[in-house]
């Protein structure tokens, strides 16, 4: 079994001139998908139904505070510009997803780390996504929350 990781993570957005821009490298990325549901009970019996809460798609990502990635993400945070976070399969077809995209993301926090004598400072950014699209290795697409038909 190989330990090679054939994917890459990028942040993409469209700049003011209409050009697609990429922010990379991302040191770490932690998505959280909350699709909470609560059992509904009555006086007569339990589990008579379910109450669903809206989906919540949040994330945190860490970038090195040297180079342009931290500055560009900070600019996105200050301007409130929406962006996509994409994880794409680079080579091969043995990964569960051929793509995973968090769309219409908004940054809600930017925490630059302290500068130190040794080591590279890092910056941690947090936010949420309005839509998540996942395409599996057999090209089946799942979109959450489900998009309404117009």
N, C-alpha and C. Protein backbone atom coordinates (compact mmCIF):
# COMPACT_ATOMS: atom_id res chain seq x y z
N UNK A 1 0.84 -1.18 0.00
CA UNK A 1 0.00 0.00 0.00
C UNK A 1 0.89 1.24 0.00
N UNK A 2 0.57 2.17 -0.85
CA UNK A 2 1.36 3.37 -1.00
C UNK A 2 0.87 4.47 -0.05
N UNK A 3 1.80 5.25 0.45
CA UNK A 3 1.44 6.39 1.30
C UNK A 3 1.41 7.69 0.52
N UNK A 4 1.44 7.61 -0.80
CA UNK A 4 1.42 8.82 -1.62
C UNK A 4 0.04 9.45 -1.56
N UNK A 5 0.01 10.76 -1.48
CA UNK A 5 -1.23 11.51 -1.42
C UNK A 5 -1.35 12.27 -2.73
N UNK A 6 -2.23 11.80 -3.61
CA UNK A 6 -2.32 12.35 -4.96
C UNK A 6 -3.40 13.42 -5.08
N UNK A 7 -3.39 14.36 -4.19
CA UNK A 7 -4.37 15.42 -4.26
C UNK A 7 -3.68 16.74 -3.96
N UNK A 8 -4.38 17.82 -4.25
CA UNK A 8 -3.87 19.11 -3.83
C UNK A 8 -5.04 19.99 -3.43
N UNK A 9 -4.78 20.85 -2.49
CA UNK A 9 -5.80 21.72 -1.93
C UNK A 9 -5.51 23.14 -2.37
N UNK A 10 -6.50 23.82 -2.90
CA UNK A 10 -6.33 25.21 -3.32
C UNK A 10 -7.55 26.02 -2.92
N UNK A 11 -7.33 27.31 -2.72
CA UNK A 11 -8.40 28.28 -2.58
C UNK A 11 -8.46 29.01 -3.91
N UNK A 12 -9.64 29.11 -4.49
CA UNK A 12 -9.79 29.82 -5.75
C UNK A 12 -10.83 30.92 -5.60
N UNK A 13 -10.60 32.01 -6.31
CA UNK A 13 -11.58 33.10 -6.33
C UNK A 13 -11.41 33.85 -7.63
N UNK A 14 -12.42 34.63 -7.99
CA UNK A 14 -12.37 35.45 -9.20
C UNK A 14 -12.04 36.87 -8.77
N UNK A 15 -10.96 37.42 -9.32
CA UNK A 15 -10.55 38.78 -8.92
C UNK A 15 -11.41 39.82 -9.64
N UNK A 16 -11.12 41.10 -9.37
CA UNK A 16 -11.92 42.19 -9.92
C UNK A 16 -11.88 42.28 -11.44
N UNK A 17 -10.82 41.73 -12.05
CA UNK A 17 -10.73 41.75 -13.51
C UNK A 17 -11.39 40.53 -14.15
N UNK A 18 -11.98 39.65 -13.33
CA UNK A 18 -12.65 38.46 -13.85
C UNK A 18 -11.74 37.26 -14.02
N UNK A 19 -10.49 37.35 -13.58
CA UNK A 19 -9.53 36.26 -13.70
C UNK A 19 -9.62 35.32 -12.50
N UNK A 20 -9.53 34.01 -12.75
CA UNK A 20 -9.50 33.02 -11.68
C UNK A 20 -8.13 33.08 -11.00
N UNK A 21 -8.11 33.19 -9.69
CA UNK A 21 -6.88 33.24 -8.91
C UNK A 21 -6.82 32.03 -7.99
N UNK A 22 -5.62 31.54 -7.72
CA UNK A 22 -5.39 30.40 -6.84
C UNK A 22 -4.53 30.85 -5.67
N UNK A 23 -4.87 30.39 -4.47
CA UNK A 23 -4.04 30.59 -3.30
C UNK A 23 -3.57 29.23 -2.84
N UNK A 24 -2.27 29.06 -2.80
CA UNK A 24 -1.68 27.80 -2.43
C UNK A 24 -0.25 28.07 -2.00
N UNK A 25 0.38 27.35 -1.14
CA UNK A 25 -0.06 26.11 -0.52
C UNK A 25 -0.84 26.36 0.77
N UNK A 26 -1.68 25.43 1.11
CA UNK A 26 -2.40 25.40 2.37
C UNK A 26 -1.72 24.33 3.22
N UNK A 27 -1.26 24.69 4.41
CA UNK A 27 -0.53 23.75 5.26
C UNK A 27 -1.45 22.69 5.86
N UNK A 28 -2.61 23.12 6.34
CA UNK A 28 -3.57 22.16 6.88
C UNK A 28 -4.98 22.71 6.67
N UNK A 29 -5.93 21.79 6.61
CA UNK A 29 -7.32 22.15 6.35
C UNK A 29 -8.20 21.20 7.14
N UNK A 30 -9.12 21.75 7.93
CA UNK A 30 -10.02 20.93 8.74
C UNK A 30 -11.46 21.34 8.45
N UNK A 31 -12.17 20.57 7.62
CA UNK A 31 -13.58 20.87 7.39
C UNK A 31 -14.46 20.19 8.45
N UNK A 32 -15.58 20.80 8.73
CA UNK A 32 -16.56 20.21 9.65
C UNK A 32 -17.92 20.29 8.97
N UNK A 33 -18.57 19.14 8.82
CA UNK A 33 -19.89 19.07 8.21
C UNK A 33 -20.87 18.66 9.31
N UNK A 34 -21.75 19.56 9.69
CA UNK A 34 -22.75 19.25 10.72
C UNK A 34 -24.12 19.16 10.07
N UNK A 35 -24.69 17.99 10.13
CA UNK A 35 -26.04 17.77 9.60
C UNK A 35 -26.90 17.25 10.76
N UNK A 36 -27.09 18.10 11.73
CA UNK A 36 -27.69 17.65 12.98
C UNK A 36 -29.18 17.39 12.86
N UNK A 37 -29.59 16.42 13.63
CA UNK A 37 -31.00 16.04 13.72
C UNK A 37 -31.28 15.67 15.18
N UNK A 38 -32.49 15.94 15.61
CA UNK A 38 -32.88 15.67 17.00
C UNK A 38 -34.17 14.85 16.99
N UNK A 39 -34.20 13.83 17.81
CA UNK A 39 -35.41 13.00 17.91
C UNK A 39 -36.52 13.81 18.56
N UNK A 40 -37.74 13.66 18.04
CA UNK A 40 -38.90 14.34 18.61
C UNK A 40 -39.70 13.30 19.41
N UNK A 41 -40.05 13.67 20.64
CA UNK A 41 -40.76 12.76 21.53
C UNK A 41 -42.13 13.35 21.88
N UNK A 42 -43.02 12.49 22.31
CA UNK A 42 -44.31 12.94 22.81
C UNK A 42 -44.54 12.32 24.18
N UNK A 43 -45.61 12.70 24.82
CA UNK A 43 -45.93 12.14 26.13
C UNK A 43 -46.26 10.66 26.00
N UNK A 44 -46.83 10.27 24.86
CA UNK A 44 -47.26 8.88 24.67
C UNK A 44 -46.12 7.93 24.30
N UNK A 45 -45.16 8.41 23.51
CA UNK A 45 -44.06 7.53 23.13
C UNK A 45 -42.85 8.35 22.67
N UNK A 46 -41.73 7.67 22.54
CA UNK A 46 -40.51 8.36 22.12
C UNK A 46 -40.26 8.15 20.64
N UNK A 47 -39.44 8.99 20.11
CA UNK A 47 -39.01 8.91 18.72
C UNK A 47 -40.18 8.88 17.73
N UNK A 48 -41.06 9.85 17.85
CA UNK A 48 -42.19 9.92 16.94
C UNK A 48 -41.85 10.69 15.66
N UNK A 49 -40.72 11.35 15.66
CA UNK A 49 -40.32 12.11 14.47
C UNK A 49 -38.91 12.64 14.62
N UNK A 50 -38.55 13.49 13.72
CA UNK A 50 -37.21 14.07 13.74
C UNK A 50 -37.30 15.55 13.38
N UNK A 51 -36.51 16.35 14.07
CA UNK A 51 -36.39 17.77 13.77
C UNK A 51 -34.98 17.98 13.25
N UNK A 52 -34.87 18.46 12.03
CA UNK A 52 -33.57 18.68 11.40
C UNK A 52 -33.19 20.16 11.48
N UNK A 53 -31.95 20.39 11.79
CA UNK A 53 -31.41 21.74 11.78
C UNK A 53 -30.74 21.97 10.42
N UNK A 54 -30.57 23.22 10.04
CA UNK A 54 -29.88 23.47 8.77
C UNK A 54 -28.45 22.92 8.81
N UNK A 55 -27.96 22.52 7.64
CA UNK A 55 -26.58 22.05 7.53
C UNK A 55 -25.63 23.18 7.91
N UNK A 56 -24.51 22.82 8.48
CA UNK A 56 -23.46 23.80 8.77
C UNK A 56 -22.15 23.25 8.23
N UNK A 57 -21.50 24.03 7.37
CA UNK A 57 -20.24 23.63 6.78
C UNK A 57 -19.19 24.66 7.20
N UNK A 58 -18.36 24.32 8.15
CA UNK A 58 -17.34 25.23 8.63
C UNK A 58 -15.97 24.64 8.36
N UNK A 59 -14.95 25.47 8.49
CA UNK A 59 -13.59 25.00 8.24
C UNK A 59 -12.59 25.90 8.96
N UNK A 60 -11.40 25.36 9.13
CA UNK A 60 -10.24 26.16 9.50
C UNK A 60 -9.10 25.71 8.61
N UNK A 61 -8.25 26.65 8.26
CA UNK A 61 -7.08 26.33 7.44
C UNK A 61 -5.89 27.10 7.96
N UNK A 62 -4.73 26.48 7.82
CA UNK A 62 -3.49 27.08 8.27
C UNK A 62 -2.58 27.28 7.07
N UNK A 63 -1.98 28.47 6.99
CA UNK A 63 -1.00 28.76 5.95
C UNK A 63 0.24 29.34 6.62
N UNK A 64 1.36 29.22 5.95
CA UNK A 64 2.57 29.86 6.45
C UNK A 64 2.41 31.37 6.30
N UNK A 65 2.85 32.11 7.31
CA UNK A 65 2.70 33.56 7.30
C UNK A 65 3.79 34.23 6.46
N UNK A 66 4.63 33.44 5.82
CA UNK A 66 5.60 33.99 4.87
C UNK A 66 5.06 33.71 3.48
N UNK A 67 5.30 34.58 2.56
CA UNK A 67 4.77 34.41 1.22
C UNK A 67 3.40 35.05 1.09
N UNK A 68 2.82 34.96 -0.10
CA UNK A 68 1.58 35.69 -0.37
C UNK A 68 0.29 35.06 0.13
N UNK A 69 0.29 33.78 0.50
CA UNK A 69 -0.97 33.10 0.84
C UNK A 69 -1.68 33.78 2.01
N UNK A 70 -0.97 34.07 3.09
CA UNK A 70 -1.60 34.69 4.27
C UNK A 70 -2.12 36.08 3.93
N UNK A 71 -1.36 36.84 3.16
CA UNK A 71 -1.79 38.20 2.79
C UNK A 71 -3.03 38.16 1.90
N UNK A 72 -3.08 37.23 0.96
CA UNK A 72 -4.22 37.15 0.07
C UNK A 72 -5.47 36.69 0.80
N UNK A 73 -5.32 35.73 1.73
CA UNK A 73 -6.47 35.30 2.52
C UNK A 73 -6.94 36.42 3.45
N UNK A 74 -6.01 37.17 4.03
CA UNK A 74 -6.39 38.30 4.88
C UNK A 74 -7.17 39.33 4.07
N UNK A 75 -6.75 39.58 2.83
CA UNK A 75 -7.48 40.51 1.96
C UNK A 75 -8.89 40.00 1.69
N UNK A 76 -9.04 38.69 1.47
CA UNK A 76 -10.39 38.12 1.28
C UNK A 76 -11.24 38.31 2.53
N UNK A 77 -10.62 38.15 3.70
CA UNK A 77 -11.36 38.33 4.96
C UNK A 77 -11.82 39.78 5.12
N UNK A 78 -10.93 40.74 4.84
CA UNK A 78 -11.27 42.15 5.01
C UNK A 78 -12.33 42.62 4.04
N UNK A 79 -12.30 42.10 2.81
CA UNK A 79 -13.26 42.55 1.80
C UNK A 79 -14.56 41.77 1.83
N UNK A 80 -14.56 40.60 2.51
CA UNK A 80 -15.76 39.78 2.55
C UNK A 80 -16.02 39.06 1.24
N UNK A 81 -15.01 38.99 0.37
CA UNK A 81 -15.16 38.33 -0.93
C UNK A 81 -15.34 36.83 -0.74
N UNK A 82 -16.30 36.26 -1.45
CA UNK A 82 -16.54 34.82 -1.37
C UNK A 82 -15.55 34.08 -2.26
N UNK A 83 -15.26 32.85 -1.87
CA UNK A 83 -14.28 32.05 -2.60
C UNK A 83 -14.63 30.58 -2.46
N UNK A 84 -13.93 29.74 -3.20
CA UNK A 84 -14.12 28.29 -3.15
C UNK A 84 -12.86 27.64 -2.60
N UNK A 85 -13.04 26.57 -1.87
CA UNK A 85 -11.93 25.73 -1.44
C UNK A 85 -12.11 24.41 -2.14
N UNK A 86 -11.10 24.00 -2.89
CA UNK A 86 -11.23 22.80 -3.71
C UNK A 86 -10.12 21.82 -3.40
N UNK A 87 -10.50 20.56 -3.27
CA UNK A 87 -9.55 19.46 -3.12
C UNK A 87 -9.75 18.58 -4.34
N UNK A 88 -8.74 18.52 -5.19
CA UNK A 88 -8.83 17.80 -6.45
C UNK A 88 -7.91 16.61 -6.46
N UNK A 89 -8.37 15.54 -7.09
CA UNK A 89 -7.52 14.38 -7.32
C UNK A 89 -6.49 14.77 -8.37
N UNK A 90 -5.23 14.52 -8.08
CA UNK A 90 -4.16 14.91 -9.00
C UNK A 90 -3.84 13.81 -9.99
N UNK A 91 -3.68 12.58 -9.52
CA UNK A 91 -3.29 11.46 -10.37
C UNK A 91 -4.02 10.22 -9.89
N UNK A 92 -4.38 9.34 -10.80
CA UNK A 92 -4.97 8.07 -10.41
C UNK A 92 -6.46 8.19 -10.12
N UNK A 93 -7.08 7.05 -9.78
CA UNK A 93 -8.51 7.06 -9.50
C UNK A 93 -8.82 6.21 -8.28
N UNK A 94 -7.90 6.14 -7.33
CA UNK A 94 -8.10 5.28 -6.17
C UNK A 94 -8.51 6.05 -4.93
N UNK A 95 -8.88 7.29 -5.09
CA UNK A 95 -9.32 8.09 -3.95
C UNK A 95 -10.83 8.10 -3.94
N UNK A 96 -11.46 8.25 -2.79
CA UNK A 96 -12.92 8.21 -2.68
C UNK A 96 -13.60 9.29 -3.51
N UNK A 97 -13.01 10.48 -3.52
CA UNK A 97 -13.60 11.59 -4.26
C UNK A 97 -12.65 12.04 -5.35
N UNK A 98 -13.20 12.37 -6.53
CA UNK A 98 -12.36 12.98 -7.54
C UNK A 98 -12.31 14.48 -7.33
N UNK A 99 -13.30 15.03 -6.63
CA UNK A 99 -13.23 16.44 -6.21
C UNK A 99 -14.14 16.67 -5.02
N UNK A 100 -13.74 17.62 -4.19
CA UNK A 100 -14.54 18.07 -3.06
C UNK A 100 -14.39 19.58 -3.03
N UNK A 101 -15.49 20.29 -3.20
CA UNK A 101 -15.44 21.74 -3.31
C UNK A 101 -16.38 22.36 -2.29
N UNK A 102 -15.83 23.23 -1.46
CA UNK A 102 -16.66 24.06 -0.58
C UNK A 102 -16.81 25.38 -1.31
N UNK A 103 -18.06 25.70 -1.70
CA UNK A 103 -18.31 26.88 -2.53
C UNK A 103 -18.89 28.03 -1.71
N UNK A 104 -18.69 29.23 -2.24
CA UNK A 104 -19.23 30.43 -1.63
C UNK A 104 -18.78 30.56 -0.16
N UNK A 105 -17.49 30.38 0.07
CA UNK A 105 -16.94 30.46 1.43
C UNK A 105 -16.76 31.91 1.86
N UNK A 106 -16.91 32.13 3.16
CA UNK A 106 -16.70 33.44 3.76
C UNK A 106 -15.81 33.24 4.98
N UNK A 107 -14.76 34.07 5.10
CA UNK A 107 -13.89 33.99 6.27
C UNK A 107 -14.51 34.75 7.42
N UNK A 108 -14.49 34.15 8.59
CA UNK A 108 -15.03 34.80 9.80
C UNK A 108 -13.96 35.10 10.82
N UNK A 109 -12.76 34.54 10.64
CA UNK A 109 -11.66 34.84 11.57
C UNK A 109 -10.32 34.68 10.87
N UNK A 110 -9.39 35.52 11.26
CA UNK A 110 -8.02 35.45 10.76
C UNK A 110 -7.11 35.65 11.97
N UNK A 111 -6.31 34.63 12.29
CA UNK A 111 -5.47 34.67 13.48
C UNK A 111 -4.01 34.44 13.11
N UNK A 112 -3.27 35.53 12.88
CA UNK A 112 -1.85 35.35 12.60
C UNK A 112 -1.13 34.89 13.86
N UNK A 113 -0.20 33.98 13.69
CA UNK A 113 0.56 33.47 14.83
C UNK A 113 1.70 34.41 15.19
N UNK A 114 2.30 34.17 16.33
CA UNK A 114 3.40 35.03 16.76
C UNK A 114 4.67 34.76 15.97
N UNK A 115 5.46 35.79 15.78
CA UNK A 115 6.77 35.63 15.15
C UNK A 115 7.73 35.11 16.22
N UNK A 116 8.61 34.22 15.83
CA UNK A 116 9.56 33.67 16.79
C UNK A 116 10.93 33.60 16.15
N UNK A 117 11.93 33.36 16.96
CA UNK A 117 13.30 33.28 16.48
C UNK A 117 13.49 32.07 15.58
N UNK A 118 12.86 30.96 15.93
CA UNK A 118 12.98 29.76 15.11
C UNK A 118 11.61 29.32 14.60
N UNK A 119 11.62 28.72 13.46
CA UNK A 119 10.36 28.25 12.88
C UNK A 119 9.68 29.33 12.08
N UNK A 120 8.78 28.91 11.23
CA UNK A 120 8.04 29.84 10.37
C UNK A 120 6.70 30.15 11.03
N UNK A 121 6.35 31.43 11.17
CA UNK A 121 5.03 31.74 11.74
C UNK A 121 3.91 31.27 10.82
N UNK A 122 2.79 30.93 11.42
CA UNK A 122 1.63 30.47 10.67
C UNK A 122 0.44 31.36 10.97
N UNK A 123 -0.51 31.36 10.06
CA UNK A 123 -1.75 32.08 10.25
C UNK A 123 -2.90 31.09 10.08
N UNK A 124 -3.89 31.17 10.96
CA UNK A 124 -5.04 30.27 10.92
C UNK A 124 -6.28 31.10 10.54
N UNK A 125 -7.01 30.62 9.55
CA UNK A 125 -8.22 31.27 9.08
C UNK A 125 -9.40 30.34 9.29
N UNK A 126 -10.53 30.89 9.69
CA UNK A 126 -11.74 30.11 9.88
C UNK A 126 -12.89 30.73 9.13
N UNK A 127 -13.86 29.90 8.77
CA UNK A 127 -15.01 30.43 8.06
C UNK A 127 -16.06 29.37 7.83
N UNK A 128 -16.99 29.69 6.92
CA UNK A 128 -18.05 28.75 6.60
C UNK A 128 -18.28 28.75 5.10
N UNK A 129 -18.95 27.70 4.65
CA UNK A 129 -19.27 27.53 3.24
C UNK A 129 -20.78 27.47 3.08
N UNK A 130 -21.27 28.06 2.00
CA UNK A 130 -22.70 28.03 1.73
C UNK A 130 -23.13 26.71 1.05
N UNK A 131 -22.24 26.14 0.24
CA UNK A 131 -22.57 24.94 -0.56
C UNK A 131 -21.36 24.02 -0.57
N UNK A 132 -21.59 22.73 -0.51
CA UNK A 132 -20.52 21.74 -0.66
C UNK A 132 -20.90 20.81 -1.80
N UNK A 133 -19.95 20.61 -2.72
CA UNK A 133 -20.15 19.67 -3.82
C UNK A 133 -19.07 18.61 -3.75
N UNK A 134 -19.47 17.35 -3.79
CA UNK A 134 -18.52 16.23 -3.79
C UNK A 134 -18.81 15.37 -5.00
N UNK A 135 -17.77 15.04 -5.75
CA UNK A 135 -17.89 14.12 -6.88
C UNK A 135 -17.05 12.91 -6.55
N UNK A 136 -17.68 11.73 -6.55
CA UNK A 136 -16.93 10.53 -6.20
C UNK A 136 -16.14 10.02 -7.39
N UNK A 137 -15.40 8.96 -7.18
CA UNK A 137 -14.52 8.43 -8.23
C UNK A 137 -15.29 7.85 -9.41
N UNK A 138 -16.60 7.71 -9.28
CA UNK A 138 -17.43 7.23 -10.40
C UNK A 138 -18.24 8.36 -11.01
N UNK A 139 -17.83 9.61 -10.75
CA UNK A 139 -18.44 10.83 -11.29
C UNK A 139 -19.87 11.07 -10.85
N UNK A 140 -20.26 10.53 -9.69
CA UNK A 140 -21.56 10.83 -9.10
C UNK A 140 -21.40 12.07 -8.23
N UNK A 141 -22.21 13.10 -8.48
CA UNK A 141 -22.10 14.37 -7.75
C UNK A 141 -23.14 14.45 -6.66
N UNK A 142 -22.73 14.90 -5.48
CA UNK A 142 -23.62 15.19 -4.38
C UNK A 142 -23.48 16.65 -4.01
N UNK A 143 -24.59 17.35 -3.86
CA UNK A 143 -24.58 18.77 -3.51
C UNK A 143 -25.35 18.92 -2.21
N UNK A 144 -24.76 19.65 -1.25
CA UNK A 144 -25.44 19.90 0.01
C UNK A 144 -25.31 21.38 0.36
N UNK A 145 -26.33 22.03 0.84
CA UNK A 145 -27.69 21.52 0.88
C UNK A 145 -28.22 21.35 -0.54
N UNK A 146 -29.20 20.46 -0.71
CA UNK A 146 -29.75 20.23 -2.04
C UNK A 146 -30.25 21.55 -2.65
N UNK A 147 -29.90 21.77 -3.89
CA UNK A 147 -30.30 23.01 -4.56
C UNK A 147 -31.74 22.89 -5.02
N UNK A 148 -32.49 23.97 -4.85
CA UNK A 148 -33.89 23.96 -5.26
C UNK A 148 -34.00 24.03 -6.78
N UNK A 149 -35.02 23.42 -7.30
CA UNK A 149 -35.29 23.46 -8.75
C UNK A 149 -36.01 24.75 -9.05
N UNK A 150 -35.54 25.47 -10.05
CA UNK A 150 -36.19 26.73 -10.41
C UNK A 150 -36.92 26.62 -11.70
